[in-house]
Amino acid sequence: MSLTLVLGGVRSGKSAYAERLAREPVLYVATLRAEDEACRRRIALHRARRPSHWPTLEAVSKIAEQVQRIRPLPATVLLDGFGLVVAAALEQQDAEDQIAAEVKAIIAASEQCDWIVVSEEVGLAPLAATEVGRRFQDLLGEANQALAGAARRAVLVVAGRALVLP
């Protein structure tokens, strides 16, 4: 069992790359909520691209805990994307603790089945102009580092091209 972290910017191709890595049977964990038409279009594009037989769990918190209740466990859990997990946690008082617990739980769960975590690479963006934006960048950057440190493989996807990180 293993953990793979797939990083990249918006529309970099990271999700499609991660989908190609997945070993059947796959549980797809979607973190984007269909809150407006743009989100609904993005969700539809992702659904059309991935196999229709992949079940979907929609969640932004306690993801590993929810996956652990599924029997039998899938061969692969594909979590797309971790940035929205961080964004949802920012709405809570104890955001740092929630994110750290989520990362720790995912790492532990990757000992039972393969996990592929798709996340935004915030280190390439300019420093956010707002306090909440900087907090998001800091927390996601720290979470990405923790996930990468535990991952068997970390990949950066840029313009649809993947670079395996040492």
N, C-alpha and C. Protein backbone atom coordinates (compact mmCIF):
# COMPACT_ATOMS: atom_id res chain seq x y z
N MET A 1 0.84 -1.16 0.00
CA MET A 1 0.00 0.00 0.00
C MET A 1 0.90 1.24 0.00
N SER A 2 0.36 2.33 -0.55
CA SER A 2 1.24 3.50 -0.68
C SER A 2 0.43 4.79 -0.76
N LEU A 3 1.17 5.87 -0.64
CA LEU A 3 0.62 7.22 -0.79
C LEU A 3 1.36 7.89 -1.94
N THR A 4 0.59 8.48 -2.85
CA THR A 4 1.15 9.26 -3.95
C THR A 4 0.54 10.66 -3.87
N LEU A 5 1.38 11.67 -3.97
CA LEU A 5 0.92 13.05 -3.97
C LEU A 5 1.13 13.61 -5.37
N VAL A 6 0.06 14.15 -5.94
CA VAL A 6 0.11 14.76 -7.27
C VAL A 6 -0.20 16.25 -7.10
N LEU A 7 0.81 17.06 -7.37
CA LEU A 7 0.70 18.51 -7.21
C LEU A 7 0.64 19.21 -8.56
N GLY A 8 0.04 20.38 -8.58
CA GLY A 8 0.04 21.19 -9.79
C GLY A 8 -0.85 22.39 -9.60
N GLY A 9 -0.83 23.27 -10.57
CA GLY A 9 -1.67 24.45 -10.54
C GLY A 9 -3.05 24.15 -11.09
N VAL A 10 -3.91 25.15 -11.09
CA VAL A 10 -5.24 25.03 -11.66
C VAL A 10 -5.11 24.72 -13.15
N ARG A 11 -5.86 23.72 -13.60
CA ARG A 11 -5.88 23.29 -15.02
C ARG A 11 -4.51 22.82 -15.51
N SER A 12 -3.71 22.29 -14.62
CA SER A 12 -2.38 21.81 -15.00
C SER A 12 -2.42 20.40 -15.58
N GLY A 13 -3.52 19.68 -15.36
CA GLY A 13 -3.61 18.29 -15.79
C GLY A 13 -3.37 17.31 -14.65
N LYS A 14 -3.30 17.81 -13.43
CA LYS A 14 -2.97 16.96 -12.29
C LYS A 14 -4.05 15.90 -12.03
N SER A 15 -5.30 16.25 -12.17
CA SER A 15 -6.37 15.28 -11.91
C SER A 15 -6.36 14.16 -12.94
N ALA A 16 -6.24 14.52 -14.20
CA ALA A 16 -6.20 13.49 -15.25
C ALA A 16 -4.99 12.58 -15.06
N TYR A 17 -3.85 13.15 -14.69
CA TYR A 17 -2.67 12.34 -14.43
C TYR A 17 -2.93 11.38 -13.28
N ALA A 18 -3.51 11.88 -12.20
CA ALA A 18 -3.78 11.04 -11.03
C ALA A 18 -4.74 9.91 -11.39
N GLU A 19 -5.73 10.20 -12.20
CA GLU A 19 -6.69 9.18 -12.61
C GLU A 19 -6.00 8.05 -13.37
N ARG A 20 -5.00 8.35 -14.15
CA ARG A 20 -4.28 7.32 -14.90
C ARG A 20 -3.44 6.43 -13.98
N LEU A 21 -3.09 6.92 -12.80
CA LEU A 21 -2.30 6.13 -11.86
C LEU A 21 -3.14 5.13 -11.07
N ALA A 22 -4.44 5.39 -10.98
CA ALA A 22 -5.30 4.62 -10.09
C ALA A 22 -5.43 3.16 -10.52
N ARG A 23 -5.39 2.29 -9.52
CA ARG A 23 -5.52 0.85 -9.70
C ARG A 23 -6.92 0.45 -9.24
N GLU A 24 -7.64 -0.30 -10.07
CA GLU A 24 -9.02 -0.72 -9.77
C GLU A 24 -9.06 -1.71 -8.61
N PRO A 25 -10.17 -1.71 -7.86
CA PRO A 25 -11.27 -0.77 -7.87
C PRO A 25 -10.89 0.55 -7.19
N VAL A 26 -11.50 1.63 -7.68
CA VAL A 26 -11.16 2.97 -7.24
C VAL A 26 -12.35 3.62 -6.55
N LEU A 27 -12.09 4.30 -5.45
CA LEU A 27 -13.05 5.18 -4.82
C LEU A 27 -12.57 6.60 -5.09
N TYR A 28 -13.41 7.40 -5.72
CA TYR A 28 -13.08 8.78 -6.03
C TYR A 28 -13.66 9.66 -4.94
N VAL A 29 -12.82 10.44 -4.29
CA VAL A 29 -13.27 11.37 -3.26
C VAL A 29 -13.25 12.78 -3.85
N ALA A 30 -14.43 13.34 -4.00
CA ALA A 30 -14.59 14.67 -4.60
C ALA A 30 -14.77 15.70 -3.50
N THR A 31 -14.02 16.79 -3.59
CA THR A 31 -14.11 17.83 -2.58
C THR A 31 -14.79 19.10 -3.08
N LEU A 32 -15.01 19.21 -4.38
CA LEU A 32 -15.64 20.41 -4.94
C LEU A 32 -17.15 20.30 -4.81
N ARG A 33 -17.75 21.33 -4.28
CA ARG A 33 -19.21 21.38 -4.15
C ARG A 33 -19.80 22.12 -5.36
N ALA A 34 -20.94 21.66 -5.81
CA ALA A 34 -21.61 22.27 -6.97
C ALA A 34 -22.37 23.51 -6.54
N GLU A 35 -21.62 24.55 -6.15
CA GLU A 35 -22.25 25.75 -5.61
C GLU A 35 -22.67 26.76 -6.67
N ASP A 36 -22.11 26.69 -7.86
CA ASP A 36 -22.49 27.61 -8.92
C ASP A 36 -22.29 26.91 -10.26
N GLU A 37 -22.64 27.59 -11.33
CA GLU A 37 -22.58 26.99 -12.67
C GLU A 37 -21.15 26.62 -13.06
N ALA A 38 -20.19 27.45 -12.72
CA ALA A 38 -18.79 27.14 -13.05
C ALA A 38 -18.33 25.86 -12.35
N CYS A 39 -18.70 25.70 -11.10
CA CYS A 39 -18.35 24.47 -10.37
C CYS A 39 -19.05 23.26 -10.98
N ARG A 40 -20.33 23.43 -11.34
CA ARG A 40 -21.07 22.32 -11.96
C ARG A 40 -20.42 21.89 -13.28
N ARG A 41 -19.96 22.85 -14.07
CA ARG A 41 -19.28 22.51 -15.33
C ARG A 41 -17.98 21.76 -15.07
N ARG A 42 -17.22 22.21 -14.09
CA ARG A 42 -15.96 21.57 -13.75
C ARG A 42 -16.20 20.13 -13.26
N ILE A 43 -17.21 19.95 -12.43
CA ILE A 43 -17.57 18.61 -11.94
C ILE A 43 -17.97 17.72 -13.10
N ALA A 44 -18.77 18.25 -14.01
CA ALA A 44 -19.21 17.47 -15.17
C ALA A 44 -18.02 17.03 -16.03
N LEU A 45 -17.04 17.90 -16.23
CA LEU A 45 -15.85 17.55 -17.00
C LEU A 45 -15.08 16.41 -16.34
N HIS A 46 -14.93 16.49 -15.04
CA HIS A 46 -14.23 15.43 -14.30
C HIS A 46 -14.99 14.11 -14.38
N ARG A 47 -16.30 14.17 -14.21
CA ARG A 47 -17.12 12.94 -14.27
C ARG A 47 -17.04 12.30 -15.65
N ALA A 48 -17.09 13.12 -16.69
CA ALA A 48 -17.06 12.60 -18.06
C ALA A 48 -15.72 11.93 -18.36
N ARG A 49 -14.66 12.38 -17.73
CA ARG A 49 -13.32 11.86 -18.03
C ARG A 49 -13.04 10.54 -17.31
N ARG A 50 -13.53 10.40 -16.10
CA ARG A 50 -13.20 9.20 -15.33
C ARG A 50 -14.24 8.10 -15.57
N PRO A 51 -13.86 6.85 -15.32
CA PRO A 51 -14.80 5.74 -15.54
C PRO A 51 -16.08 5.89 -14.72
N SER A 52 -17.20 5.59 -15.33
CA SER A 52 -18.49 5.78 -14.66
C SER A 52 -18.70 4.79 -13.52
N HIS A 53 -17.95 3.69 -13.50
CA HIS A 53 -18.14 2.69 -12.43
C HIS A 53 -17.37 3.03 -11.16
N TRP A 54 -16.60 4.12 -11.16
CA TRP A 54 -15.93 4.53 -9.93
C TRP A 54 -16.95 5.19 -9.01
N PRO A 55 -17.18 4.64 -7.83
CA PRO A 55 -18.07 5.32 -6.90
C PRO A 55 -17.44 6.61 -6.40
N THR A 56 -18.29 7.56 -6.03
CA THR A 56 -17.82 8.87 -5.59
C THR A 56 -18.28 9.13 -4.16
N LEU A 57 -17.35 9.56 -3.33
CA LEU A 57 -17.64 10.04 -1.99
C LEU A 57 -17.40 11.54 -2.01
N GLU A 58 -18.39 12.32 -1.64
CA GLU A 58 -18.22 13.77 -1.57
C GLU A 58 -17.95 14.13 -0.12
N ALA A 59 -16.75 14.68 0.14
CA ALA A 59 -16.36 14.98 1.52
C ALA A 59 -15.24 16.01 1.54
N VAL A 60 -15.22 16.82 2.61
CA VAL A 60 -14.12 17.77 2.80
C VAL A 60 -13.51 17.65 4.19
N SER A 61 -14.02 16.73 5.00
CA SER A 61 -13.43 16.53 6.32
C SER A 61 -13.61 15.08 6.76
N LYS A 62 -12.72 14.65 7.63
CA LYS A 62 -12.75 13.28 8.15
C LYS A 62 -12.84 12.26 7.01
N ILE A 63 -12.09 12.52 5.98
CA ILE A 63 -12.17 11.71 4.76
C ILE A 63 -11.69 10.29 5.02
N ALA A 64 -10.52 10.14 5.63
CA ALA A 64 -9.99 8.80 5.89
C ALA A 64 -10.94 8.01 6.78
N GLU A 65 -11.52 8.68 7.75
CA GLU A 65 -12.48 8.03 8.65
C GLU A 65 -13.68 7.51 7.87
N GLN A 66 -14.18 8.30 6.93
CA GLN A 66 -15.32 7.87 6.12
C GLN A 66 -14.93 6.71 5.21
N VAL A 67 -13.74 6.76 4.64
CA VAL A 67 -13.28 5.68 3.76
C VAL A 67 -13.13 4.39 4.54
N GLN A 68 -12.66 4.47 5.78
CA GLN A 68 -12.43 3.27 6.59
C GLN A 68 -13.72 2.49 6.85
N ARG A 69 -14.86 3.15 6.73
CA ARG A 69 -16.15 2.47 6.95
C ARG A 69 -16.60 1.67 5.73
N ILE A 70 -15.96 1.89 4.60
CA ILE A 70 -16.36 1.22 3.35
C ILE A 70 -15.75 -0.18 3.33
N ARG A 71 -16.57 -1.17 3.06
CA ARG A 71 -16.09 -2.54 2.95
C ARG A 71 -16.65 -3.16 1.69
N PRO A 72 -15.85 -3.86 0.94
CA PRO A 72 -14.41 -3.95 1.13
C PRO A 72 -13.75 -2.63 0.75
N LEU A 73 -12.57 -2.42 1.30
CA LEU A 73 -11.81 -1.22 0.95
C LEU A 73 -11.46 -1.26 -0.53
N PRO A 74 -11.45 -0.12 -1.20
CA PRO A 74 -11.01 -0.10 -2.59
C PRO A 74 -9.51 -0.34 -2.68
N ALA A 75 -9.02 -0.68 -3.85
CA ALA A 75 -7.58 -0.79 -4.05
C ALA A 75 -6.95 0.59 -4.01
N THR A 76 -7.68 1.59 -4.54
CA THR A 76 -7.17 2.96 -4.60
C THR A 76 -8.23 3.96 -4.16
N VAL A 77 -7.82 4.89 -3.32
CA VAL A 77 -8.63 6.05 -2.99
C VAL A 77 -7.98 7.23 -3.70
N LEU A 78 -8.73 7.88 -4.57
CA LEU A 78 -8.23 9.06 -5.28
C LEU A 78 -8.93 10.28 -4.71
N LEU A 79 -8.21 11.07 -3.96
CA LEU A 79 -8.74 12.28 -3.32
C LEU A 79 -8.39 13.50 -4.16
N ASP A 80 -9.44 14.15 -4.70
CA ASP A 80 -9.23 15.29 -5.59
C ASP A 80 -10.15 16.42 -5.15
N GLY A 81 -9.67 17.45 -4.49
CA GLY A 81 -8.36 17.82 -4.23
C GLY A 81 -8.23 18.34 -2.80
N PHE A 82 -7.02 18.29 -2.32
CA PHE A 82 -6.75 18.60 -0.93
C PHE A 82 -6.87 20.10 -0.62
N GLY A 83 -6.71 20.95 -1.59
CA GLY A 83 -6.85 22.39 -1.36
C GLY A 83 -8.22 22.76 -0.83
N LEU A 84 -9.26 22.08 -1.29
CA LEU A 84 -10.60 22.37 -0.81
C LEU A 84 -10.84 21.83 0.59
N VAL A 85 -10.09 20.80 0.97
CA VAL A 85 -10.13 20.31 2.35
C VAL A 85 -9.59 21.41 3.27
N VAL A 86 -8.48 22.01 2.87
CA VAL A 86 -7.88 23.10 3.65
C VAL A 86 -8.83 24.30 3.67
N ALA A 87 -9.41 24.65 2.54
CA ALA A 87 -10.33 25.79 2.49
C ALA A 87 -11.52 25.58 3.42
N ALA A 88 -12.07 24.38 3.45
CA ALA A 88 -13.20 24.09 4.34
C ALA A 88 -12.78 24.18 5.80
N ALA A 89 -11.60 23.71 6.12
CA ALA A 89 -11.12 23.76 7.50
C ALA A 89 -10.90 25.19 7.96
N LEU A 90 -10.54 26.08 7.04
CA LEU A 90 -10.31 27.49 7.41
C LEU A 90 -11.54 28.15 8.00
N GLU A 91 -12.70 27.58 7.73
CA GLU A 91 -13.94 28.13 8.27
C GLU A 91 -14.12 27.78 9.76
N GLN A 92 -13.26 26.90 10.29
CA GLN A 92 -13.36 26.43 11.67
C GLN A 92 -12.31 27.10 12.55
N GLN A 93 -12.59 27.17 13.84
CA GLN A 93 -11.66 27.75 14.81
C GLN A 93 -10.34 27.01 14.85
N ASP A 94 -10.40 25.70 14.82
CA ASP A 94 -9.21 24.86 14.99
C ASP A 94 -8.68 24.33 13.65
N ALA A 95 -8.59 25.19 12.66
CA ALA A 95 -8.21 24.79 11.30
C ALA A 95 -6.89 24.03 11.27
N GLU A 96 -5.88 24.54 11.95
CA GLU A 96 -4.56 23.89 11.94
C GLU A 96 -4.64 22.47 12.45
N ASP A 97 -5.36 22.29 13.57
CA ASP A 97 -5.49 20.95 14.15
C ASP A 97 -6.27 20.01 13.22
N GLN A 98 -7.34 20.54 12.61
CA GLN A 98 -8.14 19.72 11.69
C GLN A 98 -7.31 19.26 10.50
N ILE A 99 -6.55 20.17 9.93
CA ILE A 99 -5.74 19.83 8.75
C ILE A 99 -4.66 18.82 9.12
N ALA A 100 -4.00 19.05 10.25
CA ALA A 100 -2.96 18.11 10.70
C ALA A 100 -3.55 16.73 10.95
N ALA A 101 -4.74 16.68 11.55
CA ALA A 101 -5.39 15.39 11.81
C ALA A 101 -5.77 14.71 10.49
N GLU A 102 -6.24 15.50 9.53
CA GLU A 102 -6.61 14.94 8.22
C GLU A 102 -5.40 14.33 7.53
N VAL A 103 -4.28 15.06 7.54
CA VAL A 103 -3.05 14.57 6.93
C VAL A 103 -2.59 13.29 7.61
N LYS A 104 -2.57 13.29 8.92
CA LYS A 104 -2.13 12.11 9.69
C LYS A 104 -3.02 10.91 9.39
N ALA A 105 -4.33 11.13 9.32
CA ALA A 105 -5.27 10.04 9.04
C ALA A 105 -5.09 9.48 7.63
N ILE A 106 -4.83 10.35 6.66
CA ILE A 106 -4.61 9.89 5.29
C ILE A 106 -3.33 9.05 5.22
N ILE A 107 -2.29 9.53 5.87
CA ILE A 107 -1.03 8.79 5.87
C ILE A 107 -1.23 7.41 6.49
N ALA A 108 -1.94 7.35 7.60
CA ALA A 108 -2.20 6.06 8.26
C ALA A 108 -3.06 5.16 7.37
N ALA A 109 -4.07 5.73 6.74
CA ALA A 109 -4.97 4.95 5.88
C ALA A 109 -4.25 4.40 4.65
N SER A 110 -3.18 5.07 4.23
CA SER A 110 -2.45 4.61 3.04
C SER A 110 -1.67 3.32 3.32
N GLU A 111 -1.68 2.87 4.56
CA GLU A 111 -1.08 1.58 4.90
C GLU A 111 -2.04 0.43 4.61
N GLN A 112 -3.33 0.74 4.40
CA GLN A 112 -4.34 -0.29 4.16
C GLN A 112 -4.75 -0.40 2.69
N CYS A 113 -4.65 0.70 1.95
CA CYS A 113 -4.91 0.69 0.52
C CYS A 113 -4.17 1.89 -0.08
N ASP A 114 -4.01 1.89 -1.39
CA ASP A 114 -3.30 2.98 -2.05
C ASP A 114 -4.13 4.26 -1.98
N TRP A 115 -3.46 5.37 -1.71
CA TRP A 115 -4.09 6.69 -1.74
C TRP A 115 -3.34 7.54 -2.74
N ILE A 116 -4.09 8.22 -3.59
CA ILE A 116 -3.54 9.24 -4.49
C ILE A 116 -4.21 10.55 -4.09
N VAL A 117 -3.42 11.49 -3.62
CA VAL A 117 -3.95 12.78 -3.20
C VAL A 117 -3.53 13.83 -4.21
N VAL A 118 -4.52 14.51 -4.77
CA VAL A 118 -4.29 15.59 -5.72
C VAL A 118 -4.39 16.90 -4.93
N SER A 119 -3.41 17.76 -5.10
CA SER A 119 -3.40 19.02 -4.35
C SER A 119 -2.80 20.14 -5.19
N GLU A 120 -3.19 21.35 -4.85
CA GLU A 120 -2.66 22.52 -5.54
C GLU A 120 -1.29 22.88 -4.97
N GLU A 121 -0.38 23.21 -5.85
CA GLU A 121 0.94 23.67 -5.42
C GLU A 121 0.87 25.18 -5.28
N VAL A 122 0.86 25.65 -4.04
CA VAL A 122 0.72 27.09 -3.79
C VAL A 122 2.05 27.81 -3.79
N GLY A 123 3.15 27.07 -3.79
CA GLY A 123 4.46 27.69 -3.72
C GLY A 123 4.87 28.44 -4.97
N LEU A 124 4.15 28.27 -6.05
CA LEU A 124 4.47 28.95 -7.30
C LEU A 124 3.67 30.23 -7.49
N ALA A 125 2.69 30.43 -6.63
CA ALA A 125 1.83 31.61 -6.76
C ALA A 125 2.44 32.79 -6.02
N PRO A 126 2.03 33.99 -6.37
CA PRO A 126 2.49 35.14 -5.58
C PRO A 126 1.89 35.06 -4.18
N LEU A 127 2.52 35.69 -3.23
CA LEU A 127 2.00 35.74 -1.88
C LEU A 127 0.63 36.41 -1.91
N ALA A 128 -0.34 35.76 -1.29
CA ALA A 128 -1.71 36.27 -1.30
C ALA A 128 -1.78 37.66 -0.67
N ALA A 129 -2.69 38.47 -1.15
CA ALA A 129 -2.83 39.85 -0.69
C ALA A 129 -3.63 39.95 0.60
N THR A 130 -4.40 38.92 0.92
CA THR A 130 -5.24 38.97 2.12
C THR A 130 -4.71 38.03 3.19
N GLU A 131 -5.11 38.30 4.43
CA GLU A 131 -4.68 37.45 5.54
C GLU A 131 -5.20 36.02 5.37
N VAL A 132 -6.46 35.87 4.98
CA VAL A 132 -7.01 34.52 4.82
C VAL A 132 -6.33 33.81 3.65
N GLY A 133 -5.99 34.54 2.61
CA GLY A 133 -5.28 33.94 1.48
C GLY A 133 -3.89 33.45 1.88
N ARG A 134 -3.18 34.25 2.68
CA ARG A 134 -1.85 33.83 3.15
C ARG A 134 -1.96 32.64 4.09
N ARG A 135 -2.99 32.65 4.93
CA ARG A 135 -3.19 31.52 5.85
C ARG A 135 -3.46 30.24 5.05
N PHE A 136 -4.30 30.33 4.02
CA PHE A 136 -4.56 29.18 3.15
C PHE A 136 -3.26 28.69 2.52
N GLN A 137 -2.48 29.60 1.95
CA GLN A 137 -1.22 29.20 1.33
C GLN A 137 -0.29 28.51 2.33
N ASP A 138 -0.18 29.07 3.52
CA ASP A 138 0.70 28.49 4.54
C ASP A 138 0.22 27.10 4.94
N LEU A 139 -1.07 26.97 5.22
CA LEU A 139 -1.59 25.67 5.69
C LEU A 139 -1.54 24.61 4.59
N LEU A 140 -1.87 24.99 3.37
CA LEU A 140 -1.81 24.00 2.28
C LEU A 140 -0.37 23.64 1.97
N GLY A 141 0.52 24.64 1.98
CA GLY A 141 1.93 24.35 1.74
C GLY A 141 2.50 23.40 2.79
N GLU A 142 2.15 23.61 4.05
CA GLU A 142 2.62 22.73 5.12
C GLU A 142 2.02 21.33 4.98
N ALA A 143 0.74 21.26 4.64
CA ALA A 143 0.09 19.96 4.45
C ALA A 143 0.72 19.22 3.28
N ASN A 144 0.98 19.92 2.17
CA ASN A 144 1.63 19.29 1.02
C ASN A 144 3.00 18.74 1.39
N GLN A 145 3.75 19.50 2.18
CA GLN A 145 5.07 19.02 2.61
C GLN A 145 4.96 17.77 3.46
N ALA A 146 3.99 17.74 4.37
CA ALA A 146 3.80 16.55 5.22
C ALA A 146 3.38 15.34 4.38
N LEU A 147 2.47 15.55 3.45
CA LEU A 147 2.03 14.46 2.58
C LEU A 147 3.19 13.97 1.71
N ALA A 148 3.95 14.90 1.14
CA ALA A 148 5.09 14.53 0.30
C ALA A 148 6.14 13.77 1.10
N GLY A 149 6.34 14.18 2.35
CA GLY A 149 7.32 13.51 3.19
C GLY A 149 6.97 12.06 3.48
N ALA A 150 5.68 11.75 3.49
CA ALA A 150 5.23 10.38 3.76
C ALA A 150 4.96 9.59 2.48
N ALA A 151 4.93 10.29 1.35
CA ALA A 151 4.55 9.65 0.09
C ALA A 151 5.67 8.79 -0.48
N ARG A 152 5.27 7.70 -1.09
CA ARG A 152 6.22 6.87 -1.83
C ARG A 152 6.64 7.60 -3.10
N ARG A 153 5.68 8.40 -3.63
CA ARG A 153 5.95 9.12 -4.87
C ARG A 153 5.25 10.48 -4.80
N ALA A 154 5.96 11.52 -5.22
CA ALA A 154 5.39 12.86 -5.34
C ALA A 154 5.67 13.34 -6.76
N VAL A 155 4.64 13.93 -7.37
CA VAL A 155 4.71 14.31 -8.77
C VAL A 155 4.21 15.74 -8.92
N LEU A 156 4.91 16.53 -9.71
CA LEU A 156 4.46 17.88 -10.05
C LEU A 156 4.01 17.85 -11.50
N VAL A 157 2.76 18.29 -11.74
CA VAL A 157 2.23 18.31 -13.10
C VAL A 157 2.11 19.77 -13.54
N VAL A 158 2.73 20.07 -14.68
CA VAL A 158 2.70 21.40 -15.26
C VAL A 158 2.37 21.24 -16.74
N ALA A 159 1.33 21.95 -17.20
CA ALA A 159 0.94 21.91 -18.61
C ALA A 159 0.76 20.48 -19.11
N GLY A 160 0.18 19.63 -18.25
CA GLY A 160 -0.07 18.24 -18.61
C GLY A 160 1.14 17.34 -18.57
N ARG A 161 2.29 17.87 -18.22
CA ARG A 161 3.52 17.08 -18.14
C ARG A 161 3.85 16.80 -16.69
N ALA A 162 4.24 15.57 -16.42
CA ALA A 162 4.53 15.16 -15.04
C ALA A 162 6.03 15.08 -14.79
N LEU A 163 6.43 15.60 -13.67
CA LEU A 163 7.80 15.53 -13.22
C LEU A 163 7.80 14.82 -11.87
N VAL A 164 8.40 13.63 -11.82
CA VAL A 164 8.49 12.91 -10.55
C VAL A 164 9.52 13.59 -9.70
N LEU A 165 9.13 13.95 -8.48
CA LEU A 165 10.00 14.68 -7.58
C LEU A 165 10.89 13.73 -6.80
N PRO A 166 12.14 14.11 -6.54
CA PRO A 166 13.03 13.20 -5.80
C PRO A 166 12.60 13.08 -4.34
